């Protein structure tokens, strides 16, 4: 789905805990999430800390959308893999 949207001219950030699969299907911008069962969160955190974590993922995804990408890249909250 991600690569189809990108072919239409819209940039997409795929947030996933299994970035290799996203790479195989052609996603250009992949943001590594936490776990398969909770991609944007961590149930061990307090409710407030988990909310901060989720916000960090959304802000990072928006930052990645603004980047010029020439090849497939995997990103983390801190940087690029």
PDB file of N, CA and C in Angstrom:
ATOM      1  N   UNK A   1       0.828  -1.188   0.000  1.00  0.00           N
ATOM      2  CA  UNK A   1       0.000   0.000   0.000  1.00  0.00           C
ATOM      3  C   UNK A   1       0.875   1.255   0.000  1.00  0.00           C
ATOM      4  N   UNK A   2       1.937   1.249   0.797  1.00  0.00           N
ATOM      5  CA  UNK A   2       2.817   2.406   0.894  1.00  0.00           C
ATOM      6  C   UNK A   2       3.409   2.766  -0.460  1.00  0.00           C
ATOM      7  N   UNK A   3       3.929   1.782  -1.168  1.00  0.00           N
ATOM      8  CA  UNK A   3       4.566   2.069  -2.456  1.00  0.00           C
ATOM      9  C   UNK A   3       3.538   2.552  -3.483  1.00  0.00           C
ATOM     10  N   UNK A   4       2.307   2.085  -3.405  1.00  0.00           N
ATOM     11  CA  UNK A   4       1.256   2.551  -4.323  1.00  0.00           C
ATOM     12  C   UNK A   4       0.944   4.023  -4.078  1.00  0.00           C
ATOM     13  N   UNK A   5       0.887   4.416  -2.831  1.00  0.00           N
ATOM     14  CA  UNK A   5       0.620   5.816  -2.487  1.00  0.00           C
ATOM     15  C   UNK A   5       1.774   6.690  -2.953  1.00  0.00           C
ATOM     16  N   UNK A   6       3.002   6.210  -2.764  1.00  0.00           N
ATOM     17  CA  UNK A   6       4.169   6.976  -3.198  1.00  0.00           C
ATOM     18  C   UNK A   6       4.222   7.115  -4.717  1.00  0.00           C
ATOM     19  N   UNK A   7       3.804   6.088  -5.443  1.00  0.00           N
ATOM     20  CA  UNK A   7       3.767   6.179  -6.910  1.00  0.00           C
ATOM     21  C   UNK A   7       2.794   7.254  -7.368  1.00  0.00           C
ATOM     22  N   UNK A   8       1.774   7.516  -6.555  1.00  0.00           N
ATOM     23  CA  UNK A   8       0.796   8.562  -6.875  1.00  0.00           C
ATOM     24  C   UNK A   8       1.339   9.958  -6.567  1.00  0.00           C
ATOM     25  N   UNK A   9       2.536  10.016  -5.985  1.00  0.00           N
ATOM     26  CA  UNK A   9       3.173  11.301  -5.727  1.00  0.00           C
ATOM     27  C   UNK A   9       3.065  11.811  -4.305  1.00  0.00           C
ATOM     28  N   UNK A  10       2.540  10.999  -3.402  1.00  0.00           N
ATOM     29  CA  UNK A  10       2.412  11.404  -2.005  1.00  0.00           C
ATOM     30  C   UNK A  10       3.476  10.695  -1.164  1.00  0.00           C
ATOM     31  N   UNK A  11       4.298  11.444  -0.436  1.00  0.00           N
ATOM     32  CA  UNK A  11       5.299  10.789   0.415  1.00  0.00           C
ATOM     33  C   UNK A  11       4.622  10.099   1.598  1.00  0.00           C
ATOM     34  N   UNK A  12       5.185   8.965   2.000  1.00  0.00           N
ATOM     35  CA  UNK A  12       4.622   8.159   3.076  1.00  0.00           C
ATOM     36  C   UNK A  12       5.748   7.696   3.993  1.00  0.00           C
ATOM     37  N   UNK A  13       5.486   7.697   5.293  1.00  0.00           N
ATOM     38  CA  UNK A  13       6.400   7.084   6.250  1.00  0.00           C
ATOM     39  C   UNK A  13       5.694   5.850   6.804  1.00  0.00           C
ATOM     40  N   UNK A  14       6.312   4.705   6.621  1.00  0.00           N
ATOM     41  CA  UNK A  14       5.767   3.463   7.135  1.00  0.00           C
ATOM     42  C   UNK A  14       6.404   3.210   8.498  1.00  0.00           C
ATOM     43  N   UNK A  15       5.585   3.221   9.560  1.00  0.00           N
ATOM     44  CA  UNK A  15       6.087   2.950  10.904  1.00  0.00           C
ATOM     45  C   UNK A  15       5.796   1.480  11.206  1.00  0.00           C
ATOM     46  N   UNK A  16       6.848   0.721  11.468  1.00  0.00           N
ATOM     47  CA  UNK A  16       6.710  -0.716  11.663  1.00  0.00           C
ATOM     48  C   UNK A  16       7.793  -1.255  12.592  1.00  0.00           C
ATOM     49  N   UNK A  17       7.484  -2.340  13.248  1.00  0.00           N
ATOM     50  CA  UNK A  17       8.474  -3.012  14.094  1.00  0.00           C
ATOM     51  C   UNK A  17       9.320  -3.986  13.276  1.00  0.00           C
ATOM     52  N   UNK A  18       8.913  -4.255  12.037  1.00  0.00           N
ATOM     53  CA  UNK A  18       9.630  -5.186  11.170  1.00  0.00           C
ATOM     54  C   UNK A  18       9.985  -4.466   9.865  1.00  0.00           C
ATOM     55  N   UNK A  19      11.011  -3.624   9.904  1.00  0.00           N
ATOM     56  CA  UNK A  19      11.327  -2.798   8.742  1.00  0.00           C
ATOM     57  C   UNK A  19      11.794  -3.577   7.513  1.00  0.00           C
ATOM     58  N   UNK A  20      12.313  -4.757   7.686  1.00  0.00           N
ATOM     59  CA  UNK A  20      12.785  -5.521   6.520  1.00  0.00           C
ATOM     60  C   UNK A  20      11.626  -5.866   5.582  1.00  0.00           C
ATOM     61  N   UNK A  21      10.461  -6.123   6.140  1.00  0.00           N
ATOM     62  CA  UNK A  21       9.293  -6.431   5.306  1.00  0.00           C
ATOM     63  C   UNK A  21       8.897  -5.190   4.506  1.00  0.00           C
ATOM     64  N   UNK A  22       8.905  -4.034   5.148  1.00  0.00           N
ATOM     65  CA  UNK A  22       8.573  -2.794   4.445  1.00  0.00           C
ATOM     66  C   UNK A  22       9.552  -2.523   3.314  1.00  0.00           C
ATOM     67  N   UNK A  23      10.815  -2.801   3.557  1.00  0.00           N
ATOM     68  CA  UNK A  23      11.825  -2.639   2.506  1.00  0.00           C
ATOM     69  C   UNK A  23      11.537  -3.567   1.327  1.00  0.00           C
ATOM     70  N   UNK A  24      11.157  -4.808   1.632  1.00  0.00           N
ATOM     71  CA  UNK A  24      10.907  -5.790   0.575  1.00  0.00           C
ATOM     72  C   UNK A  24       9.734  -5.388  -0.307  1.00  0.00           C
ATOM     73  N   UNK A  25       8.738  -4.694   0.259  1.00  0.00           N
ATOM     74  CA  UNK A  25       7.575  -4.300  -0.538  1.00  0.00           C
ATOM     75  C   UNK A  25       7.751  -2.934  -1.184  1.00  0.00           C
ATOM     76  N   UNK A  26       8.909  -2.298  -0.958  1.00  0.00           N
ATOM     77  CA  UNK A  26       9.229  -1.088  -1.686  1.00  0.00           C
ATOM     78  C   UNK A  26       9.009   0.228  -0.973  1.00  0.00           C
ATOM     79  N   UNK A  27       8.814   0.224   0.332  1.00  0.00           N
ATOM     80  CA  UNK A  27       8.635   1.482   1.058  1.00  0.00           C
ATOM     81  C   UNK A  27       9.959   2.254   1.090  1.00  0.00           C
ATOM     82  N   UNK A  28       9.906   3.542   0.809  1.00  0.00           N
ATOM     83  CA  UNK A  28      11.113   4.369   0.777  1.00  0.00           C
ATOM     84  C   UNK A  28      11.510   4.856   2.163  1.00  0.00           C
ATOM     85  N   UNK A  29      10.533   5.280   2.920  1.00  0.00           N
ATOM     86  CA  UNK A  29      10.782   5.843   4.252  1.00  0.00           C
ATOM     87  C   UNK A  29      10.175   4.910   5.290  1.00  0.00           C
ATOM     88  N   UNK A  30      11.021   4.293   6.083  1.00  0.00           N
ATOM     89  CA  UNK A  30      10.560   3.351   7.100  1.00  0.00           C
ATOM     90  C   UNK A  30      11.063   3.823   8.459  1.00  0.00           C
ATOM     91  N   UNK A  31      10.159   3.939   9.402  1.00  0.00           N
ATOM     92  CA  UNK A  31      10.508   4.316  10.770  1.00  0.00           C
ATOM     93  C   UNK A  31      10.316   3.094  11.656  1.00  0.00           C
ATOM     94  N   UNK A  32      11.393   2.677  12.316  1.00  0.00           N
ATOM     95  CA  UNK A  32      11.342   1.482  13.159  1.00  0.00           C
ATOM     96  C   UNK A  32      10.537   1.782  14.424  1.00  0.00           C
ATOM     97  N   UNK A  33       9.492   0.972  14.659  1.00  0.00           N
ATOM     98  CA  UNK A  33       8.664   1.104  15.852  1.00  0.00           C
ATOM     99  C   UNK A  33       9.175   0.238  16.983  1.00  0.00           C
ATOM    100  N   UNK A  34       8.411   0.208  18.077  1.00  0.00           N
ATOM    101  CA  UNK A  34       8.842  -0.509  19.288  1.00  0.00           C
ATOM    102  C   UNK A  34       8.751  -2.025  19.135  1.00  0.00           C
ATOM    103  N   UNK A  35       7.554  -2.559  19.135  1.00  0.00           N
ATOM    104  CA  UNK A  35       7.354  -4.010  19.059  1.00  0.00           C
ATOM    105  C   UNK A  35       6.205  -4.318  18.110  1.00  0.00           C
ATOM    106  N   UNK A  36       6.103  -5.555  17.698  1.00  0.00           N
ATOM    107  CA  UNK A  36       5.037  -5.971  16.786  1.00  0.00           C
ATOM    108  C   UNK A  36       3.660  -5.755  17.429  1.00  0.00           C
ATOM    109  N   UNK A  37       3.547  -6.033  18.709  1.00  0.00           N
ATOM    110  CA  UNK A  37       2.251  -5.918  19.375  1.00  0.00           C
ATOM    111  C   UNK A  37       1.885  -4.492  19.768  1.00  0.00           C
ATOM    112  N   UNK A  38       2.877  -3.600  19.810  1.00  0.00           N
ATOM    113  CA  UNK A  38       2.613  -2.222  20.203  1.00  0.00           C
ATOM    114  C   UNK A  38       3.628  -1.321  19.490  1.00  0.00           C
ATOM    115  N   UNK A  39       3.371  -1.045  18.223  1.00  0.00           N
ATOM    116  CA  UNK A  39       4.347  -0.379  17.361  1.00  0.00           C
ATOM    117  C   UNK A  39       4.739   1.011  17.872  1.00  0.00           C
ATOM    118  N   UNK A  40       3.789   1.781  18.346  1.00  0.00           N
ATOM    119  CA  UNK A  40       4.071   3.154  18.765  1.00  0.00           C
ATOM    120  C   UNK A  40       4.118   3.345  20.267  1.00  0.00           C
ATOM    121  N   UNK A  41       4.057   2.287  21.025  1.00  0.00           N
ATOM    122  CA  UNK A  41       4.010   2.459  22.467  1.00  0.00           C
ATOM    123  C   UNK A  41       4.823   1.432  23.227  1.00  0.00           C
ATOM    124  N   UNK A  42       4.787   1.574  24.535  1.00  0.00           N
ATOM    125  CA  UNK A  42       5.488   0.657  25.432  1.00  0.00           C
ATOM    126  C   UNK A  42       4.639   0.555  26.690  1.00  0.00           C
ATOM    127  N   UNK A  43       4.007  -0.576  26.879  1.00  0.00           N
ATOM    128  CA  UNK A  43       3.074  -0.744  27.996  1.00  0.00           C
ATOM    129  C   UNK A  43       3.759  -0.719  29.354  1.00  0.00           C
ATOM    130  N   UNK A  44       5.074  -0.793  29.373  1.00  0.00           N
ATOM    131  CA  UNK A  44       5.799  -0.722  30.643  1.00  0.00           C
ATOM    132  C   UNK A  44       5.912   0.710  31.155  1.00  0.00           C
ATOM    133  N   UNK A  45       5.642   1.674  30.279  1.00  0.00           N
ATOM    134  CA  UNK A  45       5.736   3.081  30.657  1.00  0.00           C
ATOM    135  C   UNK A  45       4.450   3.557  31.329  1.00  0.00           C
ATOM    136  N   UNK A  46       4.560   4.659  32.052  1.00  0.00           N
ATOM    137  CA  UNK A  46       3.348   5.273  32.599  1.00  0.00           C
ATOM    138  C   UNK A  46       2.530   5.820  31.441  1.00  0.00           C
ATOM    139  N   UNK A  47       1.293   6.107  31.707  1.00  0.00           N
ATOM    140  CA  UNK A  47       0.409   6.619  30.674  1.00  0.00           C
ATOM    141  C   UNK A  47       0.974   7.911  30.058  1.00  0.00           C
ATOM    142  N   UNK A  48       1.507   8.770  30.885  1.00  0.00           N
ATOM    143  CA  UNK A  48       2.057  10.044  30.409  1.00  0.00           C
ATOM    144  C   UNK A  48       3.307   9.830  29.562  1.00  0.00           C
ATOM    145  N   UNK A  49       4.197   8.946  30.008  1.00  0.00           N
ATOM    146  CA  UNK A  49       5.431   8.666  29.267  1.00  0.00           C
ATOM    147  C   UNK A  49       5.128   7.986  27.931  1.00  0.00           C
ATOM    148  N   UNK A  50       4.135   7.100  27.926  1.00  0.00           N
ATOM    149  CA  UNK A  50       3.768   6.445  26.672  1.00  0.00           C
ATOM    150  C   UNK A  50       3.192   7.467  25.687  1.00  0.00           C
ATOM    151  N   UNK A  51       2.423   8.394  26.189  1.00  0.00           N
ATOM    152  CA  UNK A  51       1.889   9.455  25.335  1.00  0.00           C
ATOM    153  C   UNK A  51       3.027  10.282  24.726  1.00  0.00           C
ATOM    154  N   UNK A  52       4.043  10.590  25.517  1.00  0.00           N
ATOM    155  CA  UNK A  52       5.217  11.313  25.025  1.00  0.00           C
ATOM    156  C   UNK A  52       5.937  10.510  23.943  1.00  0.00           C
ATOM    157  N   UNK A  53       6.061   9.199  24.162  1.00  0.00           N
ATOM    158  CA  UNK A  53       6.713   8.325  23.191  1.00  0.00           C
ATOM    159  C   UNK A  53       5.950   8.340  21.862  1.00  0.00           C
ATOM    160  N   UNK A  54       4.643   8.201  21.946  1.00  0.00           N
ATOM    161  CA  UNK A  54       3.818   8.206  20.734  1.00  0.00           C
ATOM    162  C   UNK A  54       3.938   9.535  19.990  1.00  0.00           C
ATOM    163  N   UNK A  55       3.942  10.614  20.747  1.00  0.00           N
ATOM    164  CA  UNK A  55       4.104  11.942  20.144  1.00  0.00           C
ATOM    165  C   UNK A  55       5.469  12.037  19.444  1.00  0.00           C
ATOM    166  N   UNK A  56       6.495  11.476  20.055  1.00  0.00           N
ATOM    167  CA  UNK A  56       7.832  11.477  19.457  1.00  0.00           C
ATOM    168  C   UNK A  56       7.834  10.763  18.115  1.00  0.00           C
ATOM    169  N   UNK A  57       7.117   9.644  18.026  1.00  0.00           N
ATOM    170  CA  UNK A  57       7.032   8.912  16.763  1.00  0.00           C
ATOM    171  C   UNK A  57       6.341   9.737  15.686  1.00  0.00           C
ATOM    172  N   UNK A  58       5.258  10.385  16.040  1.00  0.00           N
ATOM    173  CA  UNK A  58       4.527  11.192  15.059  1.00  0.00           C
ATOM    174  C   UNK A  58       5.382  12.377  14.592  1.00  0.00           C
ATOM    175  N   UNK A  59       6.042  13.053  15.518  1.00  0.00           N
ATOM    176  CA  UNK A  59       6.894  14.184  15.147  1.00  0.00           C
ATOM    177  C   UNK A  59       8.075  13.732  14.292  1.00  0.00           C
ATOM    178  N   UNK A  60       8.648  12.574  14.611  1.00  0.00           N
ATOM    179  CA  UNK A  60       9.759  12.041  13.818  1.00  0.00           C
ATOM    180  C   UNK A  60       9.274  11.683  12.414  1.00  0.00           C
ATOM    181  N   UNK A  61       8.086  11.090  12.307  1.00  0.00           N
ATOM    182  CA  UNK A  61       7.536  10.744  10.994  1.00  0.00           C
ATOM    183  C   UNK A  61       7.321  12.005  10.155  1.00  0.00           C
ATOM    184  N   UNK A  62       6.844  13.071  10.759  1.00  0.00           N
ATOM    185  CA  UNK A  62       6.654  14.327  10.037  1.00  0.00           C
ATOM    186  C   UNK A  62       7.995  14.906   9.574  1.00  0.00           C
ATOM    187  N   UNK A  63       8.998  14.771  10.412  1.00  0.00           N
ATOM    188  CA  UNK A  63      10.347  15.215  10.056  1.00  0.00           C
ATOM    189  C   UNK A  63      10.878  14.424   8.853  1.00  0.00           C
ATOM    190  N   UNK A  64      10.650  13.131   8.863  1.00  0.00           N
ATOM    191  CA  UNK A  64      11.101  12.263   7.769  1.00  0.00           C
ATOM    192  C   UNK A  64      10.374  12.602   6.473  1.00  0.00           C
ATOM    193  N   UNK A  65       9.093  12.944   6.570  1.00  0.00           N
ATOM    194  CA  UNK A  65       8.329  13.317   5.374  1.00  0.00           C
ATOM    195  C   UNK A  65       8.923  14.532   4.668  1.00  0.00           C
ATOM    196  N   UNK A  66       9.515  15.422   5.424  1.00  0.00           N
ATOM    197  CA  UNK A  66      10.087  16.635   4.848  1.00  0.00           C
ATOM    198  C   UNK A  66      11.457  16.403   4.197  1.00  0.00           C
ATOM    199  N   UNK A  67      12.043  15.239   4.412  1.00  0.00           N
ATOM    200  CA  UNK A  67      13.376  14.940   3.865  1.00  0.00           C
ATOM    201  C   UNK A  67      13.288  14.513   2.407  1.00  0.00           C
ATOM    202  N   UNK A  68      14.318  14.888   1.642  1.00  0.00           N
ATOM    203  CA  UNK A  68      14.466  14.383   0.277  1.00  0.00           C
ATOM    204  C   UNK A  68      15.097  12.997   0.374  1.00  0.00           C
ATOM    205  N   UNK A  69      14.437  12.002  -0.173  1.00  0.00           N
ATOM    206  CA  UNK A  69      14.916  10.626  -0.112  1.00  0.00           C
ATOM    207  C   UNK A  69      15.224  10.151  -1.535  1.00  0.00           C
ATOM    208  N   UNK A  70      16.446   9.682  -1.755  1.00  0.00           N
ATOM    209  CA  UNK A  70      16.837   9.167  -3.065  1.00  0.00           C
ATOM    210  C   UNK A  70      16.835   7.645  -3.122  1.00  0.00           C
ATOM    211  N   UNK A  71      16.876   7.010  -1.962  1.00  0.00           N
ATOM    212  CA  UNK A  71      16.863   5.551  -1.905  1.00  0.00           C
ATOM    213  C   UNK A  71      16.108   5.126  -0.648  1.00  0.00           C
ATOM    214  N   UNK A  72      15.842   3.851  -0.540  1.00  0.00           N
ATOM    215  CA  UNK A  72      15.132   3.331   0.633  1.00  0.00           C
ATOM    216  C   UNK A  72      15.988   3.544   1.875  1.00  0.00           C
ATOM    217  N   UNK A  73      15.347   4.023   2.943  1.00  0.00           N
ATOM    218  CA  UNK A  73      16.064   4.253   4.191  1.00  0.00           C
ATOM    219  C   UNK A  73      15.213   3.821   5.375  1.00  0.00           C
ATOM    220  N   UNK A  74      15.905   3.296   6.389  1.00  0.00           N
ATOM    221  CA  UNK A  74      15.246   2.944   7.646  1.00  0.00           C
ATOM    222  C   UNK A  74      15.697   3.959   8.690  1.00  0.00           C
ATOM    223  N   UNK A  75      14.737   4.530   9.379  1.00  0.00           N
ATOM    224  CA  UNK A  75      14.996   5.540  10.396  1.00  0.00           C
ATOM    225  C   UNK A  75      14.624   5.010  11.770  1.00  0.00           C
ATOM    226  N   UNK A  76      15.199   5.600  12.784  1.00  0.00           N
ATOM    227  CA  UNK A  76      14.810   5.351  14.178  1.00  0.00           C
ATOM    228  C   UNK A  76      14.424   6.696  14.773  1.00  0.00           C
ATOM    229  N   UNK A  77      13.989   6.695  16.009  1.00  0.00           N
ATOM    230  CA  UNK A  77      13.672   7.951  16.659  1.00  0.00           C
ATOM    231  C   UNK A  77      14.892   8.854  16.735  1.00  0.00           C
ATOM    232  N   UNK A  78      16.074   8.258  16.867  1.00  0.00           N
ATOM    233  CA  UNK A  78      17.297   9.030  17.036  1.00  0.00           C
ATOM    234  C   UNK A  78      17.969   9.409  15.730  1.00  0.00           C
ATOM    235  N   UNK A  79      17.833   8.620  14.685  1.00  0.00           N
ATOM    236  CA  UNK A  79      18.564   8.892  13.459  1.00  0.00           C
ATOM    237  C   UNK A  79      18.241   7.888  12.374  1.00  0.00           C
ATOM    238  N   UNK A  80      19.253   7.579  11.572  1.00  0.00           N
ATOM    239  CA  UNK A  80      19.105   6.643  10.452  1.00  0.00           C
ATOM    240  C   UNK A  80      19.882   5.370  10.749  1.00  0.00           C
ATOM    241  N   UNK A  81      19.309   4.234  10.376  1.00  0.00           N
ATOM    242  CA  UNK A  81      19.981   2.947  10.572  1.00  0.00           C
ATOM    243  C   UNK A  81      20.952   2.727   9.449  1.00  0.00           C
TER     244      UNK A  81
END
